[in-house]
Amino acid sequence: MSAAPSPVPDHREEARALAELVGGDHRAAYELVERQLGVLVLRTQVLLSLSGIVITVTGFSGRAIAQSGAAARYAITAGILIVLAAALTAIGGVLRLRWLSQTLGADARETLERGLALRDQKARFLAVSMVLFGLGFAGYCIAIAQLLIDPS
């Protein structure tokens, strides 16, 4: 039986470990954090694309789905509003522009720590957005299921 994973290190420890990983080259460590921030943006763009698809499909089929019954009407309404909340959370929390260079500190280690804190903050917003999207998409799927169960 394997041991439980160790808790996530604090930013100071992670910055130290990153600097050590790249042989003390703080620029390489900084670029690694920069790439991680780029991954967050890419994943946010995927979430926003999926949100756009949900909104577009609702524009074409929403009325038919809502007319299949009260449960479908409430589910699709809740679903689309929760997907909207997911998109707004992603836009405001992850895509809000803040340059990594704005985190420059007194020394390289401090800069890394600030960059890691920014990364973690944006990752939390993305995690919340993904949960919201999942909930909204579930409501949307429930509404579609209602239509399929009772197409009259």
C-alpha atoms as a PDB file:
ATOM      1  CA  MET A   1       0.000   0.000   0.000  1.00  0.00           C
ATOM      2  CA  SER A   2       1.412   3.368  -0.989  1.00  0.00           C
ATOM      3  CA  ALA A   3       1.596   6.349   1.289  1.00  0.00           C
ATOM      4  CA  ALA A   4      -0.810   9.223   0.831  1.00  0.00           C
ATOM      5  CA  PRO A   5       0.569  11.999  -1.355  1.00  0.00           C
ATOM      6  CA  SER A   6       2.248  14.765   0.562  1.00  0.00           C
ATOM      7  CA  PRO A   7       0.322  18.024   0.845  1.00  0.00           C
ATOM      8  CA  VAL A   8       0.947  20.716  -1.741  1.00  0.00           C
ATOM      9  CA  PRO A   9       4.023  22.687  -0.702  1.00  0.00           C
ATOM     10  CA  ASP A  10       3.679  26.332   0.140  1.00  0.00           C
ATOM     11  CA  HIS A  11       4.889  28.829  -2.423  1.00  0.00           C
ATOM     12  CA  ARG A  12       8.222  29.322  -0.684  1.00  0.00           C
ATOM     13  CA  GLU A  13       8.979  25.600  -0.757  1.00  0.00           C
ATOM     14  CA  GLU A  14       7.712  25.196  -4.325  1.00  0.00           C
ATOM     15  CA  ALA A  15       9.830  28.132  -5.512  1.00  0.00           C
ATOM     16  CA  ARG A  16      12.871  26.566  -3.861  1.00  0.00           C
ATOM     17  CA  ALA A  17      12.127  23.193  -5.451  1.00  0.00           C
ATOM     18  CA  LEU A  18      11.565  24.763  -8.894  1.00  0.00           C
ATOM     19  CA  ALA A  19      14.840  26.675  -8.705  1.00  0.00           C
ATOM     20  CA  GLU A  20      16.588  23.480  -7.682  1.00  0.00           C
ATOM     21  CA  LEU A  21      14.927  21.538 -10.515  1.00  0.00           C
ATOM     22  CA  VAL A  22      16.349  23.916 -13.112  1.00  0.00           C
ATOM     23  CA  GLY A  23      19.811  24.041 -11.551  1.00  0.00           C
ATOM     24  CA  GLY A  24      19.364  27.431  -9.919  1.00  0.00           C
ATOM     25  CA  ASP A  25      18.390  29.117 -13.185  1.00  0.00           C
ATOM     26  CA  HIS A  26      15.629  31.399 -11.932  1.00  0.00           C
ATOM     27  CA  ARG A  27      14.810  32.556 -15.452  1.00  0.00           C
ATOM     28  CA  ALA A  28      14.033  28.938 -16.426  1.00  0.00           C
ATOM     29  CA  ALA A  29      11.885  28.576 -13.300  1.00  0.00           C
ATOM     30  CA  TYR A  30      10.076  31.826 -14.145  1.00  0.00           C
ATOM     31  CA  GLU A  31       9.432  30.555 -17.687  1.00  0.00           C
ATOM     32  CA  LEU A  32       8.043  27.304 -16.287  1.00  0.00           C
ATOM     33  CA  VAL A  33       5.513  29.258 -14.182  1.00  0.00           C
ATOM     34  CA  GLU A  34       4.717  31.365 -17.245  1.00  0.00           C
ATOM     35  CA  ARG A  35       3.944  28.180 -19.233  1.00  0.00           C
ATOM     36  CA  GLN A  36       1.717  26.937 -16.411  1.00  0.00           C
ATOM     37  CA  LEU A  37      -0.239  30.184 -16.584  1.00  0.00           C
ATOM     38  CA  GLY A  38      -0.570  29.635 -20.332  1.00  0.00           C
ATOM     39  CA  VAL A  39      -2.066  26.187 -19.704  1.00  0.00           C
ATOM     40  CA  LEU A  40      -4.676  27.766 -17.438  1.00  0.00           C
ATOM     41  CA  VAL A  41      -5.623  30.209 -20.185  1.00  0.00           C
ATOM     42  CA  LEU A  42      -5.912  27.411 -22.762  1.00  0.00           C
ATOM     43  CA  ARG A  43      -8.153  25.354 -20.493  1.00  0.00           C
ATOM     44  CA  THR A  44     -10.267  28.417 -19.796  1.00  0.00           C
ATOM     45  CA  GLN A  45     -10.666  28.973 -23.526  1.00  0.00           C
ATOM     46  CA  VAL A  46     -11.915  25.390 -23.894  1.00  0.00           C
ATOM     47  CA  LEU A  47     -14.436  25.954 -21.105  1.00  0.00           C
ATOM     48  CA  LEU A  48     -15.617  29.158 -22.774  1.00  0.00           C
ATOM     49  CA  SER A  49     -15.930  27.389 -26.125  1.00  0.00           C
ATOM     50  CA  LEU A  50     -18.080  24.693 -24.533  1.00  0.00           C
ATOM     51  CA  SER A  51     -20.168  27.390 -22.862  1.00  0.00           C
ATOM     52  CA  GLY A  52     -20.666  29.032 -26.240  1.00  0.00           C
ATOM     53  CA  ILE A  53     -21.849  25.747 -27.705  1.00  0.00           C
ATOM     54  CA  VAL A  54     -24.370  25.312 -24.883  1.00  0.00           C
ATOM     55  CA  ILE A  55     -25.679  28.840 -25.433  1.00  0.00           C
ATOM     56  CA  THR A  56     -25.880  28.353 -29.202  1.00  0.00           C
ATOM     57  CA  VAL A  57     -27.748  25.060 -28.915  1.00  0.00           C
ATOM     58  CA  THR A  58     -30.126  26.682 -26.446  1.00  0.00           C
ATOM     59  CA  GLY A  59     -30.841  29.371 -29.022  1.00  0.00           C
ATOM     60  CA  PHE A  60     -31.827  26.746 -31.571  1.00  0.00           C
ATOM     61  CA  SER A  61     -33.526  24.149 -29.365  1.00  0.00           C
ATOM     62  CA  GLY A  62     -34.293  25.887 -26.086  1.00  0.00           C
ATOM     63  CA  ARG A  63     -37.926  26.596 -26.874  1.00  0.00           C
ATOM     64  CA  ALA A  64     -38.653  23.007 -27.911  1.00  0.00           C
ATOM     65  CA  ILE A  65     -36.914  21.688 -24.799  1.00  0.00           C
ATOM     66  CA  ALA A  66     -38.737  24.118 -22.506  1.00  0.00           C
ATOM     67  CA  GLN A  67     -42.114  23.212 -24.042  1.00  0.00           C
ATOM     68  CA  SER A  68     -41.669  19.559 -23.073  1.00  0.00           C
ATOM     69  CA  GLY A  69     -42.608  20.292 -19.469  1.00  0.00           C
ATOM     70  CA  ALA A  70     -42.025  22.288 -16.329  1.00  0.00           C
ATOM     71  CA  ALA A  71     -39.087  20.133 -15.202  1.00  0.00           C
ATOM     72  CA  ALA A  72     -37.309  20.666 -18.523  1.00  0.00           C
ATOM     73  CA  ARG A  73     -38.088  24.381 -18.428  1.00  0.00           C
ATOM     74  CA  TYR A  74     -36.571  24.801 -14.959  1.00  0.00           C
ATOM     75  CA  ALA A  75     -33.612  22.525 -15.722  1.00  0.00           C
ATOM     76  CA  ILE A  76     -32.649  24.301 -18.940  1.00  0.00           C
ATOM     77  CA  THR A  77     -33.094  27.731 -17.358  1.00  0.00           C
ATOM     78  CA  ALA A  78     -30.994  26.802 -14.331  1.00  0.00           C
ATOM     79  CA  GLY A  79     -28.461  25.057 -16.540  1.00  0.00           C
ATOM     80  CA  ILE A  80     -27.924  27.984 -18.871  1.00  0.00           C
ATOM     81  CA  LEU A  81     -27.657  30.458 -15.984  1.00  0.00           C
ATOM     82  CA  ILE A  82     -25.122  28.271 -14.178  1.00  0.00           C
ATOM     83  CA  VAL A  83     -23.111  27.886 -17.407  1.00  0.00           C
ATOM     84  CA  LEU A  84     -23.170  31.690 -17.650  1.00  0.00           C
ATOM     85  CA  ALA A  85     -21.874  31.910 -14.070  1.00  0.00           C
ATOM     86  CA  ALA A  86     -19.091  29.470 -14.994  1.00  0.00           C
ATOM     87  CA  ALA A  87     -18.105  31.580 -18.001  1.00  0.00           C
ATOM     88  CA  LEU A  88     -18.121  34.816 -15.999  1.00  0.00           C
ATOM     89  CA  THR A  89     -16.039  33.223 -13.241  1.00  0.00           C
ATOM     90  CA  ALA A  90     -13.522  32.012 -15.813  1.00  0.00           C
ATOM     91  CA  ILE A  91     -13.352  35.373 -17.544  1.00  0.00           C
ATOM     92  CA  GLY A  92     -13.055  37.386 -14.344  1.00  0.00           C
ATOM     93  CA  GLY A  93     -10.780  35.018 -12.478  1.00  0.00           C
ATOM     94  CA  VAL A  94      -8.517  33.445 -15.067  1.00  0.00           C
ATOM     95  CA  LEU A  95      -8.576  35.674 -18.127  1.00  0.00           C
ATOM     96  CA  ARG A  96      -8.392  38.916 -16.155  1.00  0.00           C
ATOM     97  CA  LEU A  97      -5.137  40.326 -17.436  1.00  0.00           C
ATOM     98  CA  ARG A  98      -2.272  40.399 -15.005  1.00  0.00           C
ATOM     99  CA  TRP A  99       1.209  40.059 -16.427  1.00  0.00           C
ATOM    100  CA  LEU A 100       3.623  37.754 -14.694  1.00  0.00           C
ATOM    101  CA  SER A 101       6.184  40.542 -14.910  1.00  0.00           C
ATOM    102  CA  GLN A 102       3.938  42.546 -12.559  1.00  0.00           C
ATOM    103  CA  THR A 103       4.900  40.064  -9.849  1.00  0.00           C
ATOM    104  CA  LEU A 104       8.582  40.974  -9.931  1.00  0.00           C
ATOM    105  CA  GLY A 105       9.906  41.067  -6.394  1.00  0.00           C
ATOM    106  CA  ALA A 106      13.070  42.152  -4.656  1.00  0.00           C
ATOM    107  CA  ASP A 107      14.806  38.922  -5.612  1.00  0.00           C
ATOM    108  CA  ALA A 108      14.271  35.993  -7.966  1.00  0.00           C
ATOM    109  CA  ARG A 109      12.891  33.691  -5.278  1.00  0.00           C
ATOM    110  CA  GLU A 110      10.292  36.256  -4.226  1.00  0.00           C
ATOM    111  CA  THR A 111       9.281  36.694  -7.872  1.00  0.00           C
ATOM    112  CA  LEU A 112       8.790  32.952  -8.215  1.00  0.00           C
ATOM    113  CA  GLU A 113       6.697  32.852  -5.058  1.00  0.00           C
ATOM    114  CA  ARG A 114       4.462  35.648  -6.323  1.00  0.00           C
ATOM    115  CA  GLY A 115       4.126  33.965  -9.717  1.00  0.00           C
ATOM    116  CA  LEU A 116       3.154  30.691  -8.047  1.00  0.00           C
ATOM    117  CA  ALA A 117       0.585  32.511  -5.924  1.00  0.00           C
ATOM    118  CA  LEU A 118      -0.898  34.070  -9.068  1.00  0.00           C
ATOM    119  CA  ARG A 119      -0.968  30.669 -10.770  1.00  0.00           C
ATOM    120  CA  ASP A 120      -2.725  29.084  -7.810  1.00  0.00           C
ATOM    121  CA  GLN A 121      -5.271  31.895  -7.596  1.00  0.00           C
ATOM    122  CA  LYS A 122      -6.131  31.513 -11.277  1.00  0.00           C
ATOM    123  CA  ALA A 123      -6.231  27.716 -10.924  1.00  0.00           C
ATOM    124  CA  ARG A 124      -8.802  28.054  -8.121  1.00  0.00           C
ATOM    125  CA  PHE A 125     -11.001  30.256 -10.309  1.00  0.00           C
ATOM    126  CA  LEU A 126     -10.741  27.713 -13.119  1.00  0.00           C
ATOM    127  CA  ALA A 127     -11.631  24.875 -10.735  1.00  0.00           C
ATOM    128  CA  VAL A 128     -14.737  26.754  -9.570  1.00  0.00           C
ATOM    129  CA  SER A 129     -15.647  27.501 -13.192  1.00  0.00           C
ATOM    130  CA  MET A 130     -15.336  23.846 -14.119  1.00  0.00           C
ATOM    131  CA  VAL A 131     -17.583  22.751 -11.245  1.00  0.00           C
ATOM    132  CA  LEU A 132     -20.160  25.371 -12.197  1.00  0.00           C
ATOM    133  CA  PHE A 133     -19.985  24.336 -15.840  1.00  0.00           C
ATOM    134  CA  GLY A 134     -20.475  20.690 -14.879  1.00  0.00           C
ATOM    135  CA  LEU A 135     -23.527  21.556 -12.787  1.00  0.00           C
ATOM    136  CA  GLY A 136     -24.995  23.763 -15.499  1.00  0.00           C
ATOM    137  CA  PHE A 137     -24.326  21.184 -18.187  1.00  0.00           C
ATOM    138  CA  ALA A 138     -25.977  18.532 -16.012  1.00  0.00           C
ATOM    139  CA  GLY A 139     -29.095  20.700 -15.741  1.00  0.00           C
ATOM    140  CA  TYR A 140     -29.043  21.175 -19.477  1.00  0.00           C
ATOM    141  CA  CYS A 141     -28.735  17.410 -20.064  1.00  0.00           C
ATOM    142  CA  ILE A 142     -31.604  16.754 -17.651  1.00  0.00           C
ATOM    143  CA  ALA A 143     -33.749  19.128 -19.707  1.00  0.00           C
ATOM    144  CA  ILE A 144     -32.832  17.331 -22.924  1.00  0.00           C
ATOM    145  CA  ALA A 145     -33.541  13.979 -21.297  1.00  0.00           C
ATOM    146  CA  GLN A 146     -36.971  15.285 -20.307  1.00  0.00           C
ATOM    147  CA  LEU A 147     -37.635  16.185 -23.947  1.00  0.00           C
ATOM    148  CA  LEU A 148     -36.541  12.736 -25.091  1.00  0.00           C
ATOM    149  CA  ILE A 149     -38.641  10.969 -22.473  1.00  0.00           C
ATOM    150  CA  ASP A 150     -41.773  12.933 -23.336  1.00  0.00           C
ATOM    151  CA  PRO A 151     -41.404  14.448 -26.816  1.00  0.00           C
ATOM    152  CA  SER A 152     -45.041  15.527 -26.958  1.00  0.00           C
END
